[in-house]
Amino acid sequence: MKVGFLGLGAMGAAMATNLLKAGHDVTVWNRSAAAVQPLAALGAAVASTPAAAAHGDAVLSMLANDEAVRGVILDGGVLAALAPGAVHVNHATVSVKLAGELAQAHAARRVGYVAAPVFGRPDVAAAGRLNILAAGEAQAVERVRPLLEAMGSRVWPLGEAPERANVAKIAGNFMLAAAIETMAEASALVRAHGIGAADFLDVMTGTLFAAPAYQGYAKLIAEQRFKPAGFALPLGYKDVRLAQEAGEAARVPLPFAGVLRDSLLEALAAGDEDVDWSVLSQVAARRARLDQRGR
């Protein structure tokens, strides 16, 4: 298929690379020009504007937030450039409100729209093992399925309303944040009693919580390895806020989301921007004054 790919951060670059490896004709665009060079070396064409990448069968976008999606897709000419019958696949984690607005805007131009946020960090994306949530009209989803399957190990259909995929992604990231927070607080507790965080987390992820999410983040917490960020702290803060907004819109109380928001905000207030959101473990340690106690 002839496709465009917009947004070449760590995730987007890995995803676009897998599309090229699968034999698709890929045109890439990124706000910073340096990011396109590795893709160009692999055979991708380079577009000078987002709209210039939107003249094929489909355009895929992996952008940071609502503002970026609105600026590139709606205000940056991408939607206007897509031909009727083409499909836009939006991989970004966006608000439920914007998801609905995007669906209406695409329908008005007779352009297919598929919300397809992903679960997986950059290494998983590079290996083509993402879990991809997909919601949109069945015909549009099936048309881009070969693209999704080139980037992921499984596609999870969630119905025809695109916002369903977005709220599922937001809820999943809320659960990840909760897992990180509980590991952070529990690690601070055992450290205060003389048990090393690595030893404790090794026990937990080998017994009660032997699941990939816990095992992956436990390793980062135990090693205090927060750079390079697989999922940057500001994005984690953004997603917890999106969960709160979605809860408010549907009158669903999310009391623990407030705890997570405050912890993430405390980490941001400490000057942590370009770090993984597992840096929450340092917030818990600071609150317990573990460094002052020699723990």
Protein backbone atom coordinates (compact mmCIF):
# COMPACT_ATOMS: atom_id res chain seq x y z
CA MET A 1 0.00 0.00 0.00
CA LYS A 2 1.02 3.61 -0.53
CA VAL A 3 0.97 5.26 2.88
CA GLY A 4 2.12 8.36 4.71
CA PHE A 5 3.46 8.32 8.26
CA LEU A 6 3.41 11.45 10.42
CA GLY A 7 5.44 11.69 13.64
CA LEU A 8 8.77 9.95 13.99
CA GLY A 9 9.48 9.85 17.69
CA ALA A 10 10.83 6.64 19.17
CA MET A 11 7.50 4.88 18.62
CA GLY A 12 6.63 6.34 15.24
CA ALA A 13 10.06 5.70 13.76
CA ALA A 14 9.94 2.03 14.79
CA MET A 15 6.43 1.62 13.41
CA ALA A 16 7.26 3.27 10.09
CA THR A 17 10.37 1.09 9.81
CA ASN A 18 8.25 -2.04 10.09
CA LEU A 19 5.93 -0.78 7.37
CA LEU A 20 8.94 -0.39 5.09
CA LYS A 21 10.18 -3.87 5.99
CA ALA A 22 6.77 -5.26 5.08
CA GLY A 23 7.12 -3.81 1.58
CA HIS A 24 4.80 -0.82 1.79
CA ASP A 25 5.51 2.42 -0.08
CA VAL A 26 6.01 4.87 2.80
CA THR A 27 6.32 8.66 2.78
CA VAL A 28 7.33 10.16 6.13
CA TRP A 29 7.07 13.56 7.76
CA ASN A 30 8.33 14.82 11.11
CA ARG A 31 8.42 18.26 12.68
CA SER A 32 12.20 18.01 13.20
CA ALA A 33 13.92 17.11 9.95
CA ALA A 34 16.73 15.07 11.53
CA ALA A 35 14.34 12.27 12.49
CA VAL A 36 13.46 11.48 8.87
CA GLN A 37 16.99 10.64 7.77
CA PRO A 38 17.17 7.06 9.13
CA LEU A 39 13.83 6.30 7.43
CA ALA A 40 15.01 7.86 4.18
CA ALA A 41 18.06 5.62 4.33
CA LEU A 42 15.72 2.63 4.48
CA GLY A 43 13.85 3.75 1.39
CA ALA A 44 11.13 6.06 2.66
CA ALA A 45 10.22 9.15 0.69
CA VAL A 46 10.36 12.40 2.66
CA ALA A 47 7.56 14.95 2.64
CA SER A 48 8.21 18.61 3.38
CA THR A 49 4.76 19.11 4.93
CA PRO A 50 2.25 16.80 6.63
CA ALA A 51 -0.25 17.32 3.80
CA ALA A 52 2.34 16.23 1.25
CA ALA A 53 2.48 12.81 2.90
CA ALA A 54 -1.29 12.36 2.67
CA HIS A 55 -1.78 11.42 -0.98
CA GLY A 56 -1.80 7.63 -0.80
CA ASP A 57 -4.19 4.90 0.31
CA ALA A 58 -3.79 5.78 3.96
CA VAL A 59 -1.96 8.09 6.32
CA LEU A 60 -0.89 7.00 9.79
CA SER A 61 -0.06 9.45 12.55
CA MET A 62 1.74 8.99 15.85
CA LEU A 63 1.64 12.42 17.46
CA ALA A 64 2.10 13.46 21.07
CA ASN A 65 -1.21 14.92 22.23
CA ASP A 66 -4.49 16.62 21.34
CA GLU A 67 -2.77 19.86 20.39
CA ALA A 68 -0.38 18.15 17.99
CA VAL A 69 -3.13 16.04 16.40
CA ARG A 70 -5.39 19.04 15.95
CA GLY A 71 -2.56 21.17 14.56
CA VAL A 72 -1.33 18.59 12.05
CA ILE A 73 -4.50 16.76 11.01
CA LEU A 74 -7.21 19.41 11.17
CA ASP A 75 -5.30 22.69 10.91
CA GLY A 76 -2.22 21.45 9.04
CA GLY A 77 -4.05 20.39 5.88
CA VAL A 78 -3.82 16.60 6.23
CA LEU A 79 -7.55 15.95 6.32
CA ALA A 80 -8.09 18.34 3.42
CA ALA A 81 -5.39 16.56 1.40
CA LEU A 82 -6.79 13.04 1.84
CA ALA A 83 -8.83 11.79 -1.09
CA PRO A 84 -12.34 10.46 -0.45
CA GLY A 85 -12.04 6.77 0.37
CA ALA A 86 -8.57 7.08 1.86
CA VAL A 87 -8.13 6.16 5.53
CA HIS A 88 -6.49 8.05 8.38
CA VAL A 89 -5.18 5.84 11.19
CA ASN A 90 -4.60 7.81 14.36
CA HIS A 91 -2.25 6.05 16.79
CA ALA A 92 -2.11 8.93 19.29
CA THR A 93 -3.60 8.77 22.77
CA VAL A 94 -6.09 11.61 22.53
CA SER A 95 -9.04 12.76 24.59
CA VAL A 96 -12.42 11.17 24.10
CA LYS A 97 -13.78 14.59 23.13
CA LEU A 98 -11.24 15.08 20.33
CA ALA A 99 -11.76 11.48 19.18
CA GLY A 100 -15.42 12.24 18.55
CA GLU A 101 -14.61 15.49 16.80
CA LEU A 102 -12.12 13.76 14.51
CA ALA A 103 -14.63 11.06 13.59
CA GLN A 104 -17.19 13.70 12.56
CA ALA A 105 -14.65 15.72 10.59
CA HIS A 106 -13.46 12.67 8.64
CA ALA A 107 -17.00 11.51 7.92
CA ALA A 108 -17.87 14.95 6.55
CA ARG A 109 -15.08 14.58 3.99
CA ARG A 110 -15.89 10.92 3.25
CA VAL A 111 -12.47 9.87 4.55
CA GLY A 112 -12.13 6.71 6.63
CA TYR A 113 -11.03 7.15 10.21
CA VAL A 114 -9.58 4.47 12.49
CA ALA A 115 -8.44 5.14 16.04
CA ALA A 116 -5.61 2.71 16.71
CA PRO A 117 -3.65 3.53 19.88
CA VAL A 118 -1.06 0.96 20.87
CA PHE A 119 0.26 -0.80 23.94
CA GLY A 120 4.02 -1.31 23.95
CA ARG A 121 7.24 0.60 24.48
CA PRO A 122 9.76 1.50 21.74
CA ASP A 123 11.57 -1.84 21.93
CA VAL A 124 8.27 -3.66 21.45
CA ALA A 125 7.43 -1.38 18.53
CA ALA A 126 10.81 -2.08 16.94
CA ALA A 127 10.16 -5.82 17.20
CA GLY A 128 6.74 -5.44 15.56
CA ARG A 129 5.00 -6.83 18.64
CA LEU A 130 2.66 -3.98 19.55
CA ASN A 131 -0.86 -4.68 20.72
CA ILE A 132 -3.03 -2.41 18.62
CA LEU A 133 -6.52 -1.32 19.62
CA ALA A 134 -8.69 -0.53 16.60
CA ALA A 135 -12.05 1.18 16.37
CA GLY A 136 -13.78 2.61 13.33
CA GLU A 137 -16.03 1.51 10.50
CA ALA A 138 -15.39 -2.17 9.78
CA GLN A 139 -14.56 -1.50 6.14
CA ALA A 140 -11.91 1.08 7.08
CA VAL A 141 -10.38 -1.20 9.73
CA GLU A 142 -10.14 -4.10 7.28
CA ARG A 143 -8.59 -1.91 4.63
CA VAL A 144 -5.70 -0.92 6.90
CA ARG A 145 -5.40 -4.27 8.68
CA PRO A 146 -2.29 -5.25 6.63
CA LEU A 147 -0.60 -2.09 7.93
CA LEU A 148 -1.59 -2.77 11.52
CA GLU A 149 -0.47 -6.39 11.31
CA ALA A 150 2.93 -5.28 9.97
CA MET A 151 3.45 -3.30 13.18
CA GLY A 152 1.83 -5.47 15.84
CA SER A 153 1.42 -8.97 17.14
CA ARG A 154 -2.35 -8.58 17.54
CA VAL A 155 -5.09 -6.19 16.50
CA TRP A 156 -7.91 -5.83 19.05
CA PRO A 157 -11.17 -4.60 17.42
CA LEU A 158 -13.34 -2.48 19.71
CA GLY A 159 -16.30 -1.51 17.56
CA GLU A 160 -17.17 1.21 15.08
CA ALA A 161 -17.06 4.26 17.36
CA PRO A 162 -13.41 5.45 17.22
CA GLU A 163 -13.49 6.93 20.72
CA ARG A 164 -13.86 3.41 22.15
CA ALA A 165 -10.25 2.64 21.26
CA ASN A 166 -9.12 5.90 22.83
CA VAL A 167 -10.94 5.40 26.11
CA ALA A 168 -9.63 1.82 26.32
CA LYS A 169 -6.08 3.10 25.80
CA ILE A 170 -6.58 5.82 28.42
CA ALA A 171 -7.95 3.27 30.89
CA GLY A 172 -5.05 0.92 30.20
CA ASN A 173 -2.48 3.65 30.81
CA PHE A 174 -4.33 4.57 34.01
CA MET A 175 -3.83 0.96 35.14
CA LEU A 176 -0.12 1.10 34.24
CA ALA A 177 0.29 4.30 36.24
CA ALA A 178 -1.41 2.63 39.20
CA ALA A 179 0.94 -0.35 38.93
CA ILE A 180 3.99 1.91 38.90
CA GLU A 181 2.71 3.90 41.86
CA THR A 182 2.05 0.79 43.95
CA MET A 183 5.50 -0.61 43.17
CA ALA A 184 7.05 2.75 44.00
CA GLU A 185 5.32 3.00 47.39
CA ALA A 186 5.85 -0.67 48.26
CA SER A 187 9.55 -0.38 47.37
CA ALA A 188 9.90 2.65 49.63
CA LEU A 189 8.24 0.68 52.44
CA VAL A 190 10.58 -2.31 52.23
CA ARG A 191 13.65 -0.08 51.81
CA ALA A 192 12.76 1.67 55.05
CA HIS A 193 12.91 -1.74 56.72
CA GLY A 194 16.25 -2.70 55.21
CA ILE A 195 15.18 -4.74 52.17
CA GLY A 196 16.59 -3.74 48.80
CA ALA A 197 14.08 -2.67 46.21
CA ALA A 198 15.60 -5.00 43.61
CA ASP A 199 15.30 -8.02 45.91
CA PHE A 200 11.70 -7.21 46.81
CA LEU A 201 10.59 -6.53 43.24
CA ASP A 202 12.28 -9.71 42.05
CA VAL A 203 10.12 -11.67 44.48
CA MET A 204 6.92 -9.86 43.51
CA THR A 205 7.39 -10.12 39.74
CA GLY A 206 8.31 -13.77 40.06
CA THR A 207 5.26 -14.65 42.15
CA LEU A 208 2.18 -12.49 42.73
CA PHE A 209 2.76 -10.06 39.85
CA ALA A 210 4.46 -12.16 37.18
CA ALA A 211 3.14 -10.05 34.32
CA PRO A 212 5.01 -8.13 31.60
CA ALA A 213 3.93 -4.68 32.77
CA TYR A 214 5.07 -5.28 36.34
CA GLN A 215 8.25 -7.06 35.30
CA GLY A 216 9.29 -4.35 32.85
CA TYR A 217 8.68 -1.40 35.15
CA ALA A 218 10.04 -3.21 38.19
CA LYS A 219 13.35 -3.59 36.38
CA LEU A 220 13.50 0.14 35.67
CA ILE A 221 12.63 0.97 39.28
CA ALA A 222 15.15 -1.49 40.71
CA GLU A 223 17.93 -0.18 38.47
CA GLN A 224 16.81 3.46 38.81
CA ARG A 225 17.10 3.62 35.03
CA PHE A 226 14.84 6.38 33.84
CA LYS A 227 16.68 7.48 30.69
CA PRO A 228 16.15 7.12 27.84
CA ALA A 229 12.44 7.37 28.51
CA GLY A 230 10.36 4.59 27.02
CA PHE A 231 7.29 6.57 28.03
CA ALA A 232 8.08 10.11 29.06
CA LEU A 233 6.78 11.53 32.32
CA PRO A 234 4.82 14.42 30.74
CA LEU A 235 2.94 11.91 28.58
CA GLY A 236 2.03 9.87 31.65
CA TYR A 237 0.74 13.00 33.36
CA LYS A 238 -1.26 13.86 30.24
CA ASP A 239 -2.86 10.42 30.10
CA VAL A 240 -3.92 10.41 33.73
CA ARG A 241 -5.53 13.81 33.15
CA LEU A 242 -7.31 12.35 30.11
CA ALA A 243 -8.63 9.56 32.34
CA GLN A 244 -9.97 12.13 34.77
CA GLU A 245 -11.63 14.08 31.95
CA ALA A 246 -13.20 10.92 30.55
CA GLY A 247 -14.46 10.01 34.00
CA GLU A 248 -15.97 13.44 34.53
CA ALA A 249 -17.71 13.32 31.13
CA ALA A 250 -19.38 9.99 31.96
CA ARG A 251 -19.81 10.68 35.70
CA VAL A 252 -17.44 7.87 36.66
CA PRO A 253 -15.50 8.60 39.87
CA LEU A 254 -11.79 7.78 39.61
CA PRO A 255 -10.52 8.63 43.09
CA PHE A 256 -7.11 7.00 42.63
CA ALA A 257 -6.53 9.05 39.48
CA GLY A 258 -6.19 12.08 41.74
CA VAL A 259 -3.42 10.37 43.71
CA LEU A 260 -1.60 9.48 40.49
CA ARG A 261 -1.98 12.99 39.12
CA ASP A 262 -0.45 14.50 42.23
CA SER A 263 2.46 12.06 42.23
CA LEU A 264 3.19 12.71 38.56
CA LEU A 265 2.89 16.45 39.11
CA GLU A 266 5.30 16.22 42.04
CA ALA A 267 7.81 14.48 39.79
CA LEU A 268 7.39 17.19 37.17
CA ALA A 269 7.79 19.88 39.83
CA ALA A 270 11.15 18.32 40.75
CA GLY A 271 12.34 19.10 37.25
CA ASP A 272 11.94 15.63 35.76
CA GLU A 273 10.83 16.08 32.15
CA ASP A 274 12.82 13.81 29.83
CA VAL A 275 12.60 10.73 32.06
CA ASP A 276 10.46 7.61 32.09
CA TRP A 277 7.33 7.80 34.21
CA SER A 278 8.70 5.01 36.39
CA VAL A 279 10.57 7.91 38.05
CA LEU A 280 7.55 7.86 40.37
CA SER A 281 9.69 5.57 42.49
CA GLN A 282 11.88 8.56 43.33
CA VAL A 283 8.84 10.52 44.44
CA ALA A 284 7.92 7.79 46.93
CA ALA A 285 11.52 7.61 48.17
CA ARG A 286 11.70 11.39 48.65
CA ARG A 287 8.46 11.43 50.60
CA ALA A 288 9.87 8.79 52.94
CA ARG A 289 13.20 10.68 53.26
CA LEU A 290 15.01 7.40 52.49
CA ASP A 291 18.22 9.10 51.35
CA GLN A 292 18.40 11.01 54.64
CA ARG A 293 18.00 7.74 56.49
CA GLY A 294 20.66 6.01 54.44
CA ARG A 295 18.16 3.62 52.90
